[in-house]
Amino acid sequence: PWSDWLADAQAAASSRQWREAVHAAYWCAVSFLEARGAWKPDRARTPREYLGLLPDSSEHRSALATLTRRFERVWYGTDQADAEAFDEVIASLKKMGCLSA
């Protein structure tokens, strides 16, 4: 469940394992939207495919787009994972309603 991913993200951040924290936060968002019926589970999808499943009119589209960009740059790219990156993905999770503001 998405709440487990959120707990994993927070635990990793507490240990200053920023890359893992960003990774878990991304999957929190995916699982959160999955639980709300945005799509059926399919772990073979890429981050861009998940984003493409949300219509432009979705209230979660902007937050997931921001989170996806940061996740891709940290996980697959060369961006350093740090507290700022984690704060950015947490802000996206807040916008989505995964945690209270």
PDB file of N, CA and C in Angstrom:
ATOM      1  N   PRO A   1       0.815  -1.214   0.000  1.00  0.00           N
ATOM      2  CA  PRO A   1       0.000   0.000   0.000  1.00  0.00           C
ATOM      3  C   PRO A   1       0.858   1.278   0.000  1.00  0.00           C
ATOM      4  N   TRP A   2       0.259   2.350  -0.469  1.00  0.00           N
ATOM      5  CA  TRP A   2       0.994   3.612  -0.574  1.00  0.00           C
ATOM      6  C   TRP A   2       1.529   4.076   0.766  1.00  0.00           C
ATOM      7  N   SER A   3       0.825   3.785   1.846  1.00  0.00           N
ATOM      8  CA  SER A   3       1.297   4.239   3.163  1.00  0.00           C
ATOM      9  C   SER A   3       2.605   3.545   3.552  1.00  0.00           C
ATOM     10  N   ASP A   4       2.814   2.322   3.095  1.00  0.00           N
ATOM     11  CA  ASP A   4       4.085   1.630   3.345  1.00  0.00           C
ATOM     12  C   ASP A   4       5.219   2.309   2.578  1.00  0.00           C
ATOM     13  N   TRP A   5       4.956   2.705   1.335  1.00  0.00           N
ATOM     14  CA  TRP A   5       5.967   3.416   0.557  1.00  0.00           C
ATOM     15  C   TRP A   5       6.309   4.747   1.216  1.00  0.00           C
ATOM     16  N   LEU A   6       5.286   5.426   1.750  1.00  0.00           N
ATOM     17  CA  LEU A   6       5.524   6.695   2.432  1.00  0.00           C
ATOM     18  C   LEU A   6       6.391   6.481   3.666  1.00  0.00           C
ATOM     19  N   ALA A   7       6.096   5.461   4.442  1.00  0.00           N
ATOM     20  CA  ALA A   7       6.906   5.154   5.625  1.00  0.00           C
ATOM     21  C   ALA A   7       8.346   4.829   5.227  1.00  0.00           C
ATOM     22  N   ASP A   8       8.509   4.093   4.140  1.00  0.00           N
ATOM     23  CA  ASP A   8       9.854   3.774   3.647  1.00  0.00           C
ATOM     24  C   ASP A   8      10.594   5.045   3.228  1.00  0.00           C
ATOM     25  N   ALA A   9       9.893   5.952   2.575  1.00  0.00           N
ATOM     26  CA  ALA A   9      10.505   7.215   2.143  1.00  0.00           C
ATOM     27  C   ALA A   9      10.949   8.031   3.349  1.00  0.00           C
ATOM     28  N   GLN A  10      10.098   8.113   4.337  1.00  0.00           N
ATOM     29  CA  GLN A  10      10.433   8.886   5.525  1.00  0.00           C
ATOM     30  C   GLN A  10      11.580   8.248   6.309  1.00  0.00           C
ATOM     31  N   ALA A  11      11.597   6.928   6.375  1.00  0.00           N
ATOM     32  CA  ALA A  11      12.686   6.230   7.070  1.00  0.00           C
ATOM     33  C   ALA A  11      14.013   6.450   6.341  1.00  0.00           C
ATOM     34  N   ALA A  12      13.993   6.370   5.029  1.00  0.00           N
ATOM     35  CA  ALA A  12      15.219   6.593   4.256  1.00  0.00           C
ATOM     36  C   ALA A  12      15.709   8.034   4.434  1.00  0.00           C
ATOM     37  N   ALA A  13      14.783   8.973   4.426  1.00  0.00           N
ATOM     38  CA  ALA A  13      15.164  10.376   4.624  1.00  0.00           C
ATOM     39  C   ALA A  13      15.755  10.585   6.017  1.00  0.00           C
ATOM     40  N   SER A  14      15.200   9.929   7.003  1.00  0.00           N
ATOM     41  CA  SER A  14      15.730  10.034   8.372  1.00  0.00           C
ATOM     42  C   SER A  14      17.170   9.548   8.449  1.00  0.00           C
ATOM     43  N   SER A  15      17.508   8.595   7.589  1.00  0.00           N
ATOM     44  CA  SER A  15      18.866   8.048   7.536  1.00  0.00           C
ATOM     45  C   SER A  15      19.734   8.777   6.504  1.00  0.00           C
ATOM     46  N   ARG A  16      19.185   9.837   5.916  1.00  0.00           N
ATOM     47  CA  ARG A  16      19.886  10.632   4.905  1.00  0.00           C
ATOM     48  C   ARG A  16      20.237   9.803   3.658  1.00  0.00           C
ATOM     49  N   GLN A  17      19.410   8.809   3.386  1.00  0.00           N
ATOM     50  CA  GLN A  17      19.539   8.002   2.170  1.00  0.00           C
ATOM     51  C   GLN A  17      18.584   8.616   1.141  1.00  0.00           C
ATOM     52  N   TRP A  18      18.991   9.761   0.625  1.00  0.00           N
ATOM     53  CA  TRP A  18      18.104  10.586  -0.183  1.00  0.00           C
ATOM     54  C   TRP A  18      17.643   9.910  -1.462  1.00  0.00           C
ATOM     55  N   ARG A  19      18.525   9.206  -2.114  1.00  0.00           N
ATOM     56  CA  ARG A  19      18.144   8.533  -3.372  1.00  0.00           C
ATOM     57  C   ARG A  19      17.033   7.522  -3.114  1.00  0.00           C
ATOM     58  N   GLU A  20      17.190   6.726  -2.078  1.00  0.00           N
ATOM     59  CA  GLU A  20      16.163   5.747  -1.715  1.00  0.00           C
ATOM     60  C   GLU A  20      14.879   6.443  -1.275  1.00  0.00           C
ATOM     61  N   ALA A  21      15.017   7.566  -0.595  1.00  0.00           N
ATOM     62  CA  ALA A  21      13.840   8.319  -0.138  1.00  0.00           C
ATOM     63  C   ALA A  21      13.026   8.832  -1.319  1.00  0.00           C
ATOM     64  N   VAL A  22      13.709   9.373  -2.326  1.00  0.00           N
ATOM     65  CA  VAL A  22      13.023   9.863  -3.528  1.00  0.00           C
ATOM     66  C   VAL A  22      12.351   8.697  -4.262  1.00  0.00           C
ATOM     67  N   HIS A  23      13.049   7.580  -4.349  1.00  0.00           N
ATOM     68  CA  HIS A  23      12.509   6.386  -5.008  1.00  0.00           C
ATOM     69  C   HIS A  23      11.217   5.927  -4.323  1.00  0.00           C
ATOM     70  N   ALA A  24      11.260   5.789  -3.013  1.00  0.00           N
ATOM     71  CA  ALA A  24      10.076   5.328  -2.277  1.00  0.00           C
ATOM     72  C   ALA A  24       8.936   6.338  -2.370  1.00  0.00           C
ATOM     73  N   ALA A  25       9.263   7.625  -2.362  1.00  0.00           N
ATOM     74  CA  ALA A  25       8.217   8.649  -2.481  1.00  0.00           C
ATOM     75  C   ALA A  25       7.529   8.563  -3.843  1.00  0.00           C
ATOM     76  N   TYR A  26       8.302   8.313  -4.879  1.00  0.00           N
ATOM     77  CA  TYR A  26       7.701   8.155  -6.210  1.00  0.00           C
ATOM     78  C   TYR A  26       6.710   6.993  -6.205  1.00  0.00           C
ATOM     79  N   TRP A  27       7.125   5.849  -5.674  1.00  0.00           N
ATOM     80  CA  TRP A  27       6.238   4.685  -5.658  1.00  0.00           C
ATOM     81  C   TRP A  27       5.056   4.889  -4.720  1.00  0.00           C
ATOM     82  N   CYS A  28       5.218   5.733  -3.721  1.00  0.00           N
ATOM     83  CA  CYS A  28       4.077   6.112  -2.883  1.00  0.00           C
ATOM     84  C   CYS A  28       3.008   6.774  -3.745  1.00  0.00           C
ATOM     85  N   ALA A  29       3.435   7.708  -4.584  1.00  0.00           N
ATOM     86  CA  ALA A  29       2.490   8.413  -5.461  1.00  0.00           C
ATOM     87  C   ALA A  29       1.800   7.460  -6.424  1.00  0.00           C
ATOM     88  N   VAL A  30       2.569   6.575  -7.036  1.00  0.00           N
ATOM     89  CA  VAL A  30       2.000   5.607  -7.978  1.00  0.00           C
ATOM     90  C   VAL A  30       0.973   4.731  -7.263  1.00  0.00           C
ATOM     91  N   SER A  31       1.328   4.231  -6.098  1.00  0.00           N
ATOM     92  CA  SER A  31       0.420   3.359  -5.340  1.00  0.00           C
ATOM     93  C   SER A  31      -0.804   4.119  -4.844  1.00  0.00           C
ATOM     94  N   PHE A  32      -0.609   5.388  -4.470  1.00  0.00           N
ATOM     95  CA  PHE A  32      -1.719   6.231  -4.021  1.00  0.00           C
ATOM     96  C   PHE A  32      -2.750   6.382  -5.141  1.00  0.00           C
ATOM     97  N   LEU A  33      -2.277   6.706  -6.335  1.00  0.00           N
ATOM     98  CA  LEU A  33      -3.194   6.866  -7.467  1.00  0.00           C
ATOM     99  C   LEU A  33      -3.820   5.541  -7.877  1.00  0.00           C
ATOM    100  N   GLU A  34      -3.051   4.492  -7.783  1.00  0.00           N
ATOM    101  CA  GLU A  34      -3.563   3.148  -8.075  1.00  0.00           C
ATOM    102  C   GLU A  34      -4.723   2.813  -7.135  1.00  0.00           C
ATOM    103  N   ALA A  35      -4.559   3.120  -5.857  1.00  0.00           N
ATOM    104  CA  ALA A  35      -5.597   2.839  -4.855  1.00  0.00           C
ATOM    105  C   ALA A  35      -6.865   3.644  -5.122  1.00  0.00           C
ATOM    106  N   ARG A  36      -6.728   4.748  -5.834  1.00  0.00           N
ATOM    107  CA  ARG A  36      -7.877   5.584  -6.167  1.00  0.00           C
ATOM    108  C   ARG A  36      -8.434   5.289  -7.547  1.00  0.00           C
ATOM    109  N   GLY A  37      -7.960   4.201  -8.148  1.00  0.00           N
ATOM    110  CA  GLY A  37      -8.526   3.749  -9.414  1.00  0.00           C
ATOM    111  C   GLY A  37      -7.972   4.414 -10.660  1.00  0.00           C
ATOM    112  N   ALA A  38      -6.846   5.111 -10.550  1.00  0.00           N
ATOM    113  CA  ALA A  38      -6.283   5.789 -11.724  1.00  0.00           C
ATOM    114  C   ALA A  38      -5.823   4.792 -12.773  1.00  0.00           C
ATOM    115  N   TRP A  39      -5.383   3.599 -12.345  1.00  0.00           N
ATOM    116  CA  TRP A  39      -4.918   2.547 -13.244  1.00  0.00           C
ATOM    117  C   TRP A  39      -4.852   1.241 -12.488  1.00  0.00           C
ATOM    118  N   LYS A  40      -4.742   0.174 -13.199  1.00  0.00           N
ATOM    119  CA  LYS A  40      -4.558  -1.151 -12.600  1.00  0.00           C
ATOM    120  C   LYS A  40      -3.066  -1.371 -12.385  1.00  0.00           C
ATOM    121  N   PRO A  41      -2.709  -2.103 -11.338  1.00  0.00           N
ATOM    122  CA  PRO A  41      -1.281  -2.345 -11.071  1.00  0.00           C
ATOM    123  C   PRO A  41      -0.575  -3.009 -12.256  1.00  0.00           C
ATOM    124  N   ASP A  42       0.604  -2.490 -12.566  1.00  0.00           N
ATOM    125  CA  ASP A  42       1.448  -3.065 -13.611  1.00  0.00           C
ATOM    126  C   ASP A  42       2.851  -2.496 -13.421  1.00  0.00           C
ATOM    127  N   ARG A  43       3.700  -3.200 -12.695  1.00  0.00           N
ATOM    128  CA  ARG A  43       5.042  -2.716 -12.367  1.00  0.00           C
ATOM    129  C   ARG A  43       5.980  -2.680 -13.576  1.00  0.00           C
ATOM    130  N   ALA A  44       5.503  -3.152 -14.728  1.00  0.00           N
ATOM    131  CA  ALA A  44       6.321  -3.099 -15.941  1.00  0.00           C
ATOM    132  C   ALA A  44       6.273  -1.719 -16.594  1.00  0.00           C
ATOM    133  N   ARG A  45       5.364  -0.850 -16.148  1.00  0.00           N
ATOM    134  CA  ARG A  45       5.254   0.479 -16.741  1.00  0.00           C
ATOM    135  C   ARG A  45       6.440   1.356 -16.344  1.00  0.00           C
ATOM    136  N   THR A  46       6.789   2.239 -17.239  1.00  0.00           N
ATOM    137  CA  THR A  46       7.815   3.231 -16.943  1.00  0.00           C
ATOM    138  C   THR A  46       7.158   4.429 -16.245  1.00  0.00           C
ATOM    139  N   PRO A  47       7.952   5.269 -15.605  1.00  0.00           N
ATOM    140  CA  PRO A  47       7.371   6.473 -14.996  1.00  0.00           C
ATOM    141  C   PRO A  47       6.597   7.322 -15.998  1.00  0.00           C
ATOM    142  N   ARG A  48       7.113   7.456 -17.218  1.00  0.00           N
ATOM    143  CA  ARG A  48       6.408   8.250 -18.234  1.00  0.00           C
ATOM    144  C   ARG A  48       5.091   7.597 -18.648  1.00  0.00           C
ATOM    145  N   GLU A  49       5.051   6.281 -18.636  1.00  0.00           N
ATOM    146  CA  GLU A  49       3.792   5.595 -18.963  1.00  0.00           C
ATOM    147  C   GLU A  49       2.754   5.846 -17.884  1.00  0.00           C
ATOM    148  N   TYR A  50       3.164   5.809 -16.621  1.00  0.00           N
ATOM    149  CA  TYR A  50       2.212   6.133 -15.551  1.00  0.00           C
ATOM    150  C   TYR A  50       1.682   7.546 -15.729  1.00  0.00           C
ATOM    151  N   LEU A  51       2.576   8.481 -15.981  1.00  0.00           N
ATOM    152  CA  LEU A  51       2.158   9.867 -16.169  1.00  0.00           C
ATOM    153  C   LEU A  51       1.202   9.989 -17.350  1.00  0.00           C
ATOM    154  N   GLY A  52       1.474   9.262 -18.419  1.00  0.00           N
ATOM    155  CA  GLY A  52       0.626   9.301 -19.596  1.00  0.00           C
ATOM    156  C   GLY A  52      -0.777   8.748 -19.375  1.00  0.00           C
ATOM    157  N   LEU A  53      -0.944   7.948 -18.336  1.00  0.00           N
ATOM    158  CA  LEU A  53      -2.266   7.392 -18.034  1.00  0.00           C
ATOM    159  C   LEU A  53      -3.200   8.415 -17.387  1.00  0.00           C
ATOM    160  N   LEU A  54      -2.619   9.478 -16.819  1.00  0.00           N
ATOM    161  CA  LEU A  54      -3.459  10.517 -16.211  1.00  0.00           C
ATOM    162  C   LEU A  54      -3.875  11.520 -17.267  1.00  0.00           C
ATOM    163  N   PRO A  55      -5.158  11.796 -17.364  1.00  0.00           N
ATOM    164  CA  PRO A  55      -5.591  12.804 -18.342  1.00  0.00           C
ATOM    165  C   PRO A  55      -5.059  14.185 -17.939  1.00  0.00           C
ATOM    166  N   ASP A  56      -4.894  15.045 -18.913  1.00  0.00           N
ATOM    167  CA  ASP A  56      -4.426  16.406 -18.648  1.00  0.00           C
ATOM    168  C   ASP A  56      -5.309  17.123 -17.634  1.00  0.00           C
ATOM    169  N   SER A  57      -6.559  16.752 -17.581  1.00  0.00           N
ATOM    170  CA  SER A  57      -7.507  17.407 -16.677  1.00  0.00           C
ATOM    171  C   SER A  57      -7.435  16.883 -15.236  1.00  0.00           C
ATOM    172  N   SER A  58      -6.646  15.862 -14.995  1.00  0.00           N
ATOM    173  CA  SER A  58      -6.562  15.288 -13.653  1.00  0.00           C
ATOM    174  C   SER A  58      -5.984  16.286 -12.657  1.00  0.00           C
ATOM    175  N   GLU A  59      -6.581  16.348 -11.493  1.00  0.00           N
ATOM    176  CA  GLU A  59      -6.082  17.234 -10.436  1.00  0.00           C
ATOM    177  C   GLU A  59      -4.689  16.816  -9.961  1.00  0.00           C
ATOM    178  N   HIS A  60      -4.297  15.583 -10.237  1.00  0.00           N
ATOM    179  CA  HIS A  60      -2.997  15.062  -9.788  1.00  0.00           C
ATOM    180  C   HIS A  60      -1.910  15.145 -10.858  1.00  0.00           C
ATOM    181  N   ARG A  61      -2.274  15.541 -12.051  1.00  0.00           N
ATOM    182  CA  ARG A  61      -1.335  15.522 -13.183  1.00  0.00           C
ATOM    183  C   ARG A  61      -0.083  16.372 -12.931  1.00  0.00           C
ATOM    184  N   SER A  62      -0.259  17.591 -12.504  1.00  0.00           N
ATOM    185  CA  SER A  62       0.870  18.502 -12.304  1.00  0.00           C
ATOM    186  C   SER A  62       1.819  17.985 -11.223  1.00  0.00           C
ATOM    187  N   ALA A  63       1.265  17.549 -10.113  1.00  0.00           N
ATOM    188  CA  ALA A  63       2.098  17.042  -9.019  1.00  0.00           C
ATOM    189  C   ALA A  63       2.844  15.779  -9.434  1.00  0.00           C
ATOM    190  N   LEU A  64       2.164  14.877 -10.145  1.00  0.00           N
ATOM    191  CA  LEU A  64       2.839  13.655 -10.584  1.00  0.00           C
ATOM    192  C   LEU A  64       3.905  13.981 -11.630  1.00  0.00           C
ATOM    193  N   ALA A  65       3.666  14.961 -12.478  1.00  0.00           N
ATOM    194  CA  ALA A  65       4.667  15.344 -13.476  1.00  0.00           C
ATOM    195  C   ALA A  65       5.928  15.877 -12.799  1.00  0.00           C
ATOM    196  N   THR A  66       5.754  16.721 -11.806  1.00  0.00           N
ATOM    197  CA  THR A  66       6.902  17.259 -11.057  1.00  0.00           C
ATOM    198  C   THR A  66       7.651  16.140 -10.356  1.00  0.00           C
ATOM    199  N   LEU A  67       6.916  15.273  -9.697  1.00  0.00           N
ATOM    200  CA  LEU A  67       7.532  14.158  -8.977  1.00  0.00           C
ATOM    201  C   LEU A  67       8.257  13.217  -9.939  1.00  0.00           C
ATOM    202  N   THR A  68       7.641  12.934 -11.064  1.00  0.00           N
ATOM    203  CA  THR A  68       8.235  12.027 -12.050  1.00  0.00           C
ATOM    204  C   THR A  68       9.543  12.589 -12.598  1.00  0.00           C
ATOM    205  N   ARG A  69       9.539  13.873 -12.930  1.00  0.00           N
ATOM    206  CA  ARG A  69      10.776  14.500 -13.439  1.00  0.00           C
ATOM    207  C   ARG A  69      11.907  14.386 -12.415  1.00  0.00           C
ATOM    208  N   ARG A  70      11.608  14.705 -11.159  1.00  0.00           N
ATOM    209  CA  ARG A  70      12.647  14.647 -10.127  1.00  0.00           C
ATOM    210  C   ARG A  70      13.115  13.208  -9.921  1.00  0.00           C
ATOM    211  N   PHE A  71      12.169  12.286  -9.856  1.00  0.00           N
ATOM    212  CA  PHE A  71      12.518  10.878  -9.679  1.00  0.00           C
ATOM    213  C   PHE A  71      13.422  10.391 -10.809  1.00  0.00           C
ATOM    214  N   GLU A  72      13.048  10.684 -12.041  1.00  0.00           N
ATOM    215  CA  GLU A  72      13.846  10.223 -13.193  1.00  0.00           C
ATOM    216  C   GLU A  72      15.254  10.798 -13.164  1.00  0.00           C
ATOM    217  N   ARG A  73      15.370  12.069 -12.817  1.00  0.00           N
ATOM    218  CA  ARG A  73      16.696  12.699 -12.789  1.00  0.00           C
ATOM    219  C   ARG A  73      17.568  12.131 -11.681  1.00  0.00           C
ATOM    220  N   VAL A  74      16.950  11.770 -10.560  1.00  0.00           N
ATOM    221  CA  VAL A  74      17.710  11.204  -9.436  1.00  0.00           C
ATOM    222  C   VAL A  74      17.990   9.723  -9.660  1.00  0.00           C
ATOM    223  N   TRP A  75      16.969   8.974 -10.051  1.00  0.00           N
ATOM    224  CA  TRP A  75      17.101   7.510 -10.125  1.00  0.00           C
ATOM    225  C   TRP A  75      17.844   7.044 -11.370  1.00  0.00           C
ATOM    226  N   TYR A  76      17.528   7.651 -12.515  1.00  0.00           N
ATOM    227  CA  TYR A  76      18.109   7.217 -13.783  1.00  0.00           C
ATOM    228  C   TYR A  76      19.183   8.176 -14.314  1.00  0.00           C
ATOM    229  N   GLY A  77      19.160   9.391 -13.842  1.00  0.00           N
ATOM    230  CA  GLY A  77      20.058  10.406 -14.369  1.00  0.00           C
ATOM    231  C   GLY A  77      21.243  10.685 -13.465  1.00  0.00           C
ATOM    232  N   THR A  78      21.694  11.905 -13.532  1.00  0.00           N
ATOM    233  CA  THR A  78      22.903  12.281 -12.807  1.00  0.00           C
ATOM    234  C   THR A  78      22.652  13.269 -11.675  1.00  0.00           C
ATOM    235  N   ASP A  79      21.398  13.633 -11.429  1.00  0.00           N
ATOM    236  CA  ASP A  79      21.125  14.557 -10.324  1.00  0.00           C
ATOM    237  C   ASP A  79      21.468  13.911  -8.994  1.00  0.00           C
ATOM    238  N   GLN A  80      22.062  14.700  -8.130  1.00  0.00           N
ATOM    239  CA  GLN A  80      22.337  14.226  -6.782  1.00  0.00           C
ATOM    240  C   GLN A  80      21.025  14.194  -6.002  1.00  0.00           C
ATOM    241  N   ALA A  81      20.866  13.164  -5.246  1.00  0.00           N
ATOM    242  CA  ALA A  81      19.724  13.100  -4.338  1.00  0.00           C
ATOM    243  C   ALA A  81      20.161  13.781  -3.055  1.00  0.00           C
ATOM    244  N   ASP A  82      19.335  14.688  -2.564  1.00  0.00           N
ATOM    245  CA  ASP A  82      19.654  15.403  -1.343  1.00  0.00           C
ATOM    246  C   ASP A  82      18.355  15.807  -0.654  1.00  0.00           C
ATOM    247  N   ALA A  83      18.486  16.512   0.443  1.00  0.00           N
ATOM    248  CA  ALA A  83      17.302  16.928   1.195  1.00  0.00           C
ATOM    249  C   ALA A  83      16.380  17.798   0.344  1.00  0.00           C
ATOM    250  N   GLU A  84      16.950  18.635  -0.507  1.00  0.00           N
ATOM    251  CA  GLU A  84      16.137  19.487  -1.369  1.00  0.00           C
ATOM    252  C   GLU A  84      15.302  18.657  -2.346  1.00  0.00           C
ATOM    253  N   ALA A  85      15.904  17.643  -2.935  1.00  0.00           N
ATOM    254  CA  ALA A  85      15.166  16.756  -3.840  1.00  0.00           C
ATOM    255  C   ALA A  85      14.037  16.059  -3.095  1.00  0.00           C
ATOM    256  N   PHE A  86      14.325  15.603  -1.888  1.00  0.00           N
ATOM    257  CA  PHE A  86      13.296  14.933  -1.104  1.00  0.00           C
ATOM    258  C   PHE A  86      12.178  15.909  -0.735  1.00  0.00           C
ATOM    259  N   ASP A  87      12.536  17.125  -0.354  1.00  0.00           N
ATOM    260  CA  ASP A  87      11.520  18.131  -0.030  1.00  0.00           C
ATOM    261  C   ASP A  87      10.606  18.391  -1.227  1.00  0.00           C
ATOM    262  N   GLU A  88      11.190  18.401  -2.422  1.00  0.00           N
ATOM    263  CA  GLU A  88      10.394  18.630  -3.628  1.00  0.00           C
ATOM    264  C   GLU A  88       9.384  17.497  -3.845  1.00  0.00           C
ATOM    265  N   VAL A  89       9.824  16.253  -3.671  1.00  0.00           N
ATOM    266  CA  VAL A  89       8.876  15.158  -3.889  1.00  0.00           C
ATOM    267  C   VAL A  89       7.831  15.102  -2.779  1.00  0.00           C
ATOM    268  N   ILE A  90       8.208  15.468  -1.574  1.00  0.00           N
ATOM    269  CA  ILE A  90       7.224  15.523  -0.474  1.00  0.00           C
ATOM    270  C   ILE A  90       6.176  16.601  -0.766  1.00  0.00           C
ATOM    271  N   ALA A  91       6.606  17.734  -1.309  1.00  0.00           N
ATOM    272  CA  ALA A  91       5.645  18.783  -1.676  1.00  0.00           C
ATOM    273  C   ALA A  91       4.659  18.263  -2.721  1.00  0.00           C
ATOM    274  N   SER A  92       5.144  17.470  -3.662  1.00  0.00           N
ATOM    275  CA  SER A  92       4.248  16.868  -4.667  1.00  0.00           C
ATOM    276  C   SER A  92       3.276  15.903  -4.019  1.00  0.00           C
ATOM    277  N   LEU A  93       3.756  15.111  -3.069  1.00  0.00           N
ATOM    278  CA  LEU A  93       2.857  14.175  -2.371  1.00  0.00           C
ATOM    279  C   LEU A  93       1.790  14.936  -1.604  1.00  0.00           C
ATOM    280  N   LYS A  94       2.147  16.056  -1.004  1.00  0.00           N
ATOM    281  CA  LYS A  94       1.168  16.882  -0.293  1.00  0.00           C
ATOM    282  C   LYS A  94       0.101  17.383  -1.234  1.00  0.00           C
ATOM    283  N   LYS A  95       0.526  17.871  -2.412  1.00  0.00           N
ATOM    284  CA  LYS A  95      -0.435  18.363  -3.412  1.00  0.00           C
ATOM    285  C   LYS A  95      -1.400  17.271  -3.843  1.00  0.00           C
ATOM    286  N   MET A  96      -0.903  16.047  -3.882  1.00  0.00           N
ATOM    287  CA  MET A  96      -1.740  14.930  -4.291  1.00  0.00           C
ATOM    288  C   MET A  96      -2.681  14.474  -3.178  1.00  0.00           C
ATOM    289  N   GLY A  97      -2.385  14.851  -1.952  1.00  0.00           N
ATOM    290  CA  GLY A  97      -3.214  14.435  -0.822  1.00  0.00           C
ATOM    291  C   GLY A  97      -2.703  13.202  -0.113  1.00  0.00           C
ATOM    292  N   CYS A  98      -1.464  12.813  -0.408  1.00  0.00           N
ATOM    293  CA  CYS A  98      -0.886  11.621   0.250  1.00  0.00           C
ATOM    294  C   CYS A  98      -0.571  11.872   1.716  1.00  0.00           C
ATOM    295  N   LEU A  99      -0.351  13.118   2.082  1.00  0.00           N
ATOM    296  CA  LEU A  99      -0.109  13.459   3.476  1.00  0.00           C
ATOM    297  C   LEU A  99      -0.602  14.864   3.722  1.00  0.00           C
ATOM    298  N   SER A 100      -0.868  15.147   4.956  1.00  0.00           N
ATOM    299  CA  SER A 100      -1.442  16.457   5.273  1.00  0.00           C
ATOM    300  C   SER A 100      -0.383  17.537   5.131  1.00  0.00           C
ATOM    301  N   ALA A 101      -0.823  18.708   4.806  1.00  0.00           N
ATOM    302  CA  ALA A 101       0.083  19.845   4.558  1.00  0.00           C
ATOM    303  C   ALA A 101       0.794  20.329   5.793  1.00  0.00           C
TER     304      ALA A 101
END
